[in-house]
Protein backbone atom coordinates (compact mmCIF):
# COMPACT_ATOMS: atom_id res chain seq x y z
CA UNK A 1 70.78 138.18 -7.32
CA UNK A 2 70.24 138.69 -11.04
CA UNK A 3 70.90 142.27 -12.04
CA UNK A 4 68.99 143.89 -14.85
CA UNK A 5 69.62 146.86 -17.09
CA UNK A 6 68.37 150.12 -15.67
CA UNK A 7 69.29 153.77 -16.05
CA UNK A 8 72.55 154.48 -14.24
CA UNK A 9 72.88 158.19 -13.52
CA UNK A 10 76.57 157.88 -12.66
CA UNK A 11 77.31 157.02 -16.28
CA UNK A 12 76.20 160.52 -17.26
CA UNK A 13 79.15 162.04 -15.43
CA UNK A 14 81.96 162.98 -17.77
CA UNK A 15 84.75 160.45 -17.47
CA UNK A 16 87.32 163.21 -18.01
CA UNK A 17 86.03 165.05 -14.94
CA UNK A 18 86.16 161.89 -12.81
CA UNK A 19 89.71 161.17 -13.92
CA UNK A 20 90.77 164.77 -13.31
CA UNK A 21 89.51 164.57 -9.72
CA UNK A 22 91.51 161.42 -9.07
CA UNK A 23 94.67 163.03 -10.39
CA UNK A 24 94.23 166.41 -8.71
CA UNK A 25 92.90 165.41 -5.28
CA UNK A 26 94.39 163.27 -2.51
CA UNK A 27 92.69 159.85 -2.16
CA UNK A 28 91.11 160.91 1.14
CA UNK A 29 88.94 163.36 -0.84
CA UNK A 30 87.83 160.86 -3.49
CA UNK A 31 84.46 159.19 -3.55
CA UNK A 32 84.13 156.77 -0.65
CA UNK A 33 84.31 153.60 -2.70
CA UNK A 34 87.21 154.80 -4.83
CA UNK A 35 89.11 155.71 -1.69
CA UNK A 36 88.57 152.16 -0.38
CA UNK A 37 89.63 150.73 -3.75
CA UNK A 38 92.83 152.78 -3.56
CA UNK A 39 93.56 151.26 -0.14
CA UNK A 40 93.36 147.81 -1.74
CA UNK A 41 96.01 148.81 -4.26
CA UNK A 42 98.21 150.37 -1.58
CA UNK A 43 98.23 147.04 0.25
CA UNK A 44 100.16 145.64 -2.73
CA UNK A 45 103.68 146.68 -1.74
CA UNK A 46 105.12 145.91 -5.16
CA UNK A 47 102.99 148.64 -6.75
CA UNK A 48 104.28 152.19 -7.11
CA UNK A 49 101.89 155.09 -6.80
CA UNK A 50 102.23 155.69 -10.53
CA UNK A 51 101.22 152.12 -11.31
CA UNK A 52 98.39 152.27 -8.79
CA UNK A 53 97.03 155.45 -10.38
CA UNK A 54 97.29 153.85 -13.83
CA UNK A 55 95.19 150.90 -12.60
CA UNK A 56 92.67 153.21 -10.91
CA UNK A 57 92.14 155.33 -14.02
CA UNK A 58 91.87 152.32 -16.32
CA UNK A 59 89.46 150.53 -13.96
CA UNK A 60 87.28 153.62 -13.60
CA UNK A 61 87.17 153.93 -17.39
CA UNK A 62 86.10 150.27 -17.72
CA UNK A 63 83.40 150.74 -15.05
CA UNK A 64 82.13 153.88 -16.78
CA UNK A 65 81.99 152.04 -20.12
CA UNK A 66 80.04 149.22 -18.46
CA UNK A 67 77.56 151.71 -16.99
CA UNK A 68 77.03 153.40 -20.36
CA UNK A 69 76.34 150.03 -21.99
CA UNK A 70 73.85 149.22 -19.21
CA UNK A 71 72.09 152.51 -19.98
CA UNK A 72 72.06 151.74 -23.70
CA UNK A 73 70.58 148.30 -23.10
CA UNK A 74 67.99 149.70 -20.69
CA UNK A 75 66.96 152.41 -23.17
CA UNK A 76 66.75 149.91 -26.02
CA UNK A 77 64.54 147.59 -23.99
CA UNK A 78 62.31 150.50 -22.92
CA UNK A 79 61.92 151.68 -26.53
CA UNK A 80 61.00 148.18 -27.73
CA UNK A 81 58.47 147.81 -24.92
CA UNK A 82 56.94 151.21 -25.71
CA UNK A 83 56.81 150.40 -29.43
CA UNK A 84 54.99 147.11 -28.79
CA UNK A 85 52.59 148.81 -26.40
CA UNK A 86 51.65 151.53 -28.92
CA UNK A 87 51.34 148.95 -31.70
CA UNK A 88 48.59 147.28 -29.68
CA UNK A 89 47.01 150.58 -28.61
CA UNK A 90 46.73 151.98 -32.14
CA UNK A 91 45.47 148.64 -33.47
CA UNK A 92 42.74 148.55 -30.83
CA UNK A 93 41.72 152.15 -31.52
CA UNK A 94 41.50 151.36 -35.24
CA UNK A 95 39.06 148.53 -34.50
CA UNK A 96 37.06 150.79 -32.18
CA UNK A 97 36.82 153.43 -34.92
CA UNK A 98 35.70 150.76 -37.39
CA UNK A 99 32.87 149.44 -35.23
CA UNK A 100 31.78 152.79 -33.75
CA UNK A 101 28.23 154.08 -34.47
CA UNK A 102 27.92 155.82 -37.82
CA UNK A 103 27.62 159.31 -36.33
CA UNK A 104 30.83 158.84 -34.35
CA UNK A 105 32.65 157.35 -37.35
CA UNK A 106 31.72 160.36 -39.46
CA UNK A 107 32.92 162.81 -36.82
CA UNK A 108 36.18 160.88 -36.43
CA UNK A 109 36.78 161.05 -40.18
CA UNK A 110 35.97 164.76 -40.25
CA UNK A 111 38.42 165.44 -37.41
CA UNK A 112 41.29 163.15 -38.42
CA UNK A 113 41.47 163.25 -42.24
CA UNK A 114 42.19 167.02 -42.58
CA UNK A 115 45.04 166.62 -40.09
CA UNK A 116 46.60 163.78 -42.10
CA UNK A 117 46.45 165.95 -45.23
CA UNK A 118 48.77 168.49 -43.62
CA UNK A 119 52.30 168.62 -44.96
CA UNK A 120 54.66 167.74 -43.49
CA UNK A 121 53.33 165.28 -40.95
CA UNK A 122 55.39 165.61 -37.79
CA UNK A 123 55.08 164.98 -34.05
CA UNK A 124 52.81 168.00 -33.62
CA UNK A 125 50.37 166.71 -36.27
CA UNK A 126 50.32 163.19 -34.83
CA UNK A 127 49.67 164.53 -31.33
CA UNK A 128 46.82 166.62 -32.78
CA UNK A 129 45.35 163.42 -34.29
CA UNK A 130 45.52 161.72 -30.88
CA UNK A 131 43.98 164.76 -29.16
CA UNK A 132 41.10 165.03 -31.63
CA UNK A 133 40.34 161.30 -31.54
CA UNK A 134 40.42 161.05 -27.77
CA UNK A 135 38.23 164.14 -27.45
CA UNK A 136 35.54 162.64 -29.68
CA UNK A 137 35.60 159.30 -27.89
CA UNK A 138 35.14 161.22 -24.62
CA UNK A 139 32.03 162.87 -26.04
CA UNK A 140 30.63 159.42 -26.85
CA UNK A 141 31.94 157.72 -23.75
CA UNK A 142 28.69 155.84 -23.20
CA UNK A 143 29.25 153.84 -26.37
CA UNK A 144 30.98 150.49 -25.95
CA UNK A 145 33.53 151.22 -28.69
CA UNK A 146 34.35 154.59 -27.11
CA UNK A 147 34.84 153.01 -23.67
CA UNK A 148 37.28 150.50 -25.14
CA UNK A 149 39.13 153.20 -27.07
CA UNK A 150 39.45 155.46 -24.03
CA UNK A 151 40.85 152.55 -22.04
CA UNK A 152 43.38 151.87 -24.80
CA UNK A 153 44.25 155.57 -24.98
CA UNK A 154 44.66 155.58 -21.15
CA UNK A 155 42.60 158.78 -21.03
CA UNK A 156 41.91 160.52 -17.74
CA UNK A 157 39.83 163.69 -17.57
CA UNK A 158 40.27 164.65 -13.93
CA UNK A 159 41.70 168.18 -13.70
CA UNK A 160 42.07 168.29 -17.47
CA UNK A 161 42.32 165.62 -20.14
CA UNK A 162 45.48 163.52 -20.07
CA UNK A 163 46.15 161.01 -22.84
CA UNK A 164 48.54 158.27 -21.80
CA UNK A 165 49.13 157.11 -25.40
CA UNK A 166 50.13 160.65 -26.37
CA UNK A 167 52.69 160.76 -23.57
CA UNK A 168 54.00 157.35 -24.62
CA UNK A 169 54.30 158.38 -28.26
CA UNK A 170 56.26 161.51 -27.36
CA UNK A 171 58.64 159.20 -25.47
CA UNK A 172 59.48 157.17 -28.57
CA UNK A 173 62.80 157.85 -30.27
CA UNK A 174 62.85 160.01 -33.39
CA UNK A 175 63.35 157.05 -35.72
CA UNK A 176 60.12 155.33 -34.65
CA UNK A 177 58.18 158.61 -34.64
CA UNK A 178 59.38 159.28 -38.19
CA UNK A 179 58.30 155.77 -39.18
CA UNK A 180 54.73 156.60 -38.13
CA UNK A 181 54.81 159.97 -39.89
CA UNK A 182 56.07 158.30 -43.08
CA UNK A 183 53.29 155.69 -42.90
CA UNK A 184 50.64 158.43 -42.70
CA UNK A 185 52.26 160.32 -45.57
CA UNK A 186 52.21 157.22 -47.74
CA UNK A 187 48.64 156.44 -46.72
CA UNK A 188 47.24 159.65 -48.18
CA UNK A 189 49.08 159.01 -51.46
CA UNK A 190 47.42 155.67 -52.12
CA UNK A 191 45.06 156.07 -55.11
CA UNK A 192 41.50 154.92 -54.60
CA UNK A 193 42.04 153.87 -51.00
CA UNK A 194 39.25 154.21 -48.49
CA UNK A 195 40.68 156.97 -46.39
CA UNK A 196 39.13 157.09 -42.90
CA UNK A 197 40.07 157.11 -39.22
CA UNK A 198 40.31 153.33 -39.20
CA UNK A 199 42.96 153.41 -41.97
CA UNK A 200 44.88 156.11 -40.12
CA UNK A 201 45.22 154.18 -36.87
CA UNK A 202 45.74 150.86 -38.63
CA UNK A 203 48.62 152.49 -40.53
CA UNK A 204 50.08 153.85 -37.32
CA UNK A 205 49.87 150.40 -35.72
CA UNK A 206 51.58 148.73 -38.68
CA UNK A 207 54.38 151.32 -38.59
CA UNK A 208 55.10 150.24 -35.02
CA UNK A 209 55.08 146.52 -35.65
CA UNK A 210 55.99 144.27 -32.74
CA UNK A 211 59.66 144.16 -31.81
CA UNK A 212 61.51 141.44 -29.96
CA UNK A 213 62.41 142.46 -26.41
CA UNK A 214 65.79 141.01 -25.57
CA UNK A 215 66.98 139.92 -22.14
CA UNK A 216 68.05 142.81 -19.94
CA UNK A 217 70.46 140.90 -17.72
CA UNK A 218 73.86 142.55 -17.47
CA UNK A 219 76.02 139.60 -16.39
CA UNK A 220 78.11 139.63 -19.57
CA UNK A 221 78.79 143.36 -19.18
CA UNK A 222 80.03 142.88 -15.63
CA UNK A 223 82.21 139.94 -16.70
CA UNK A 224 83.78 142.04 -19.47
CA UNK A 225 84.43 144.87 -17.00
CA UNK A 226 86.12 142.54 -14.49
CA UNK A 227 88.20 140.90 -17.23
CA UNK A 228 89.40 144.33 -18.36
CA UNK A 229 90.51 145.22 -14.82
CA UNK A 230 92.15 141.80 -14.40
CA UNK A 231 94.29 142.51 -17.47
CA UNK A 232 95.43 145.79 -15.95
CA UNK A 233 96.44 144.05 -12.73
CA UNK A 234 98.45 141.48 -14.67
CA UNK A 235 100.14 144.19 -16.73
CA UNK A 236 101.20 145.82 -13.46
CA UNK A 237 102.68 142.55 -12.25
CA UNK A 238 100.07 141.58 -9.65
CA UNK A 239 97.85 138.55 -9.85
CA UNK A 240 94.04 138.93 -9.72
CA UNK A 241 92.55 136.05 -7.75
CA UNK A 242 89.47 134.46 -6.22
CA UNK A 243 91.07 133.71 -2.85
CA UNK A 244 88.93 131.88 -0.28
CA UNK A 245 89.25 131.55 3.49
CA UNK A 246 88.32 128.14 4.93
CA UNK A 247 87.11 129.64 8.21
CA UNK A 248 85.33 132.67 6.75
CA UNK A 249 82.84 132.01 3.91
CA UNK A 250 82.24 135.75 3.57
CA UNK A 251 85.92 136.43 2.81
CA UNK A 252 86.67 138.12 -0.53
CA UNK A 253 89.99 138.47 -2.28
CA UNK A 254 91.58 141.90 -2.62
CA UNK A 255 90.92 141.84 -6.36
CA UNK A 256 87.24 140.93 -5.86
CA UNK A 257 86.86 143.75 -3.37
CA UNK A 258 88.62 146.19 -5.70
CA UNK A 259 86.47 145.53 -8.78
CA UNK A 260 83.27 145.71 -6.75
CA UNK A 261 84.32 148.98 -5.11
CA UNK A 262 85.17 150.68 -8.39
CA UNK A 263 81.97 149.73 -10.21
CA UNK A 264 79.92 150.48 -7.10
CA UNK A 265 81.21 154.06 -7.21
CA UNK A 266 79.42 154.41 -10.57
CA UNK A 267 76.39 152.13 -10.29
CA UNK A 268 75.41 152.23 -6.61
CA UNK A 269 77.33 154.97 -4.73
CA UNK A 270 74.65 155.01 -2.01
CA UNK A 271 75.10 151.38 -0.93
CA UNK A 272 76.29 150.52 2.58
CA UNK A 273 77.71 147.08 1.85
CA UNK A 274 81.34 148.18 2.03
CA UNK A 275 80.91 150.37 5.12
CA UNK A 276 81.32 147.54 7.61
CA UNK A 277 79.24 146.64 10.67
CA UNK A 278 76.33 145.48 8.49
CA UNK A 279 75.20 143.00 11.14
CA UNK A 280 74.89 145.79 13.71
CA UNK A 281 73.03 147.95 11.16
CA UNK A 282 70.63 145.11 10.41
CA UNK A 283 69.91 144.55 14.11
CA UNK A 284 69.33 148.27 14.66
CA UNK A 285 66.92 148.33 11.70
CA UNK A 286 64.94 145.44 13.21
CA UNK A 287 64.81 147.19 16.60
CA UNK A 288 63.52 150.41 15.06
CA UNK A 289 60.99 148.50 12.99
CA UNK A 290 59.67 146.74 16.10
CA UNK A 291 59.06 150.12 17.70
CA UNK A 292 56.91 151.46 14.87
CA UNK A 293 53.09 151.66 15.16
CA UNK A 294 51.29 148.65 13.69
CA UNK A 295 50.07 150.60 10.63
CA UNK A 296 53.60 151.62 9.66
CA UNK A 297 55.19 148.31 10.58
CA UNK A 298 52.98 146.50 8.07
CA UNK A 299 54.24 148.58 5.13
CA UNK A 300 57.87 149.19 6.14
CA UNK A 301 60.50 146.52 5.60
CA UNK A 302 62.71 145.67 8.57
CA UNK A 303 65.50 144.42 6.32
CA UNK A 304 68.41 146.20 4.72
CA UNK A 305 68.19 146.78 0.98
CA UNK A 306 69.45 143.98 -1.20
CA UNK A 307 71.94 146.43 -2.71
CA UNK A 308 73.38 146.88 0.81
CA UNK A 309 73.98 143.15 1.14
CA UNK A 310 74.77 141.69 -2.28
CA UNK A 311 77.82 142.67 -4.29
CA UNK A 312 77.53 143.75 -7.91
CA UNK A 313 80.42 141.47 -8.86
CA UNK A 314 79.46 137.96 -7.80
CA UNK A 315 81.85 135.04 -7.42
CA UNK A 316 80.45 133.62 -10.66
CA UNK A 317 81.21 136.89 -12.50
CA UNK A 318 84.73 136.80 -11.10
CA UNK A 319 85.32 133.19 -12.10
CA UNK A 320 84.19 133.77 -15.70
CA UNK A 321 86.09 137.05 -15.99
CA UNK A 322 89.39 135.60 -14.78
CA UNK A 323 89.03 132.69 -17.19
CA UNK A 324 88.27 135.13 -20.02
CA UNK A 325 91.21 137.38 -19.18
CA UNK A 326 93.55 134.40 -18.90
CA UNK A 327 92.46 133.01 -22.27
CA UNK A 328 93.05 136.35 -24.00
CA UNK A 329 96.51 136.58 -22.49
CA UNK A 330 97.38 132.98 -23.20
CA UNK A 331 97.85 132.10 -19.52
């Protein structure tokens, strides 16, 4: 299963607090997956408790770093997507303002231009521009240009007017918001320019020019995390491996289980995949699903979640990480 960047709430926990809990509490009181990871280390008889704790703290730090980078990548992708979306929205509204009936164009100019002349132009002013423009298009909603603009704005007027584009703009980071404000400030300084609502929205669109949306897969982040943990195992004198069992294709090495348990405690603490008896759980889920009324059975899945079945650290991640760690250590 390809995993993609998404917000990981566990990364928002302070690493210092997580480490303090490990050091101050017995393993039986740790998070479930960290407790299981500790059991993996305790099965290595050559490891002292001090060395085991050193590995646990370092591995948790690496997992937390991985989660923070996943969050950063997810946020960056979201911002680029939002920027591209608003670039198209503002460009479409500019064209709608340009081809609107004369009476509507005049009213748009009368509503928008005084707002742009305010100083300084900030988020509040830009939101006022969006409010005033959407309100006028609503008044002329029978016009084709107004219909198109309202669709671009994502305006709903049930139980009060809600402007989707306004919500999206408030969700942009401060840098991109400032870029739009600066474009409007420069626009009103241009000598002899034809200053109207079309220019305003065209300027806002150009300030949010299309951005490239990069891949959001996190395979390289997971590989780096596993390689970091592998180095800690080697430093402690134990070998990280990809052991296989010829009679059990589902068998995982102790190292593979350890790295998945630690990162699971941060990324997916709710998963059941390390709880055991998954086959019995799956069968029970199917039995319960079969007993549901037809209407509910058609919308409810009888299967366990993919996160309950598939490990975060795949065999491919492990293979690449061990090769990376070995190359850095000259092994």
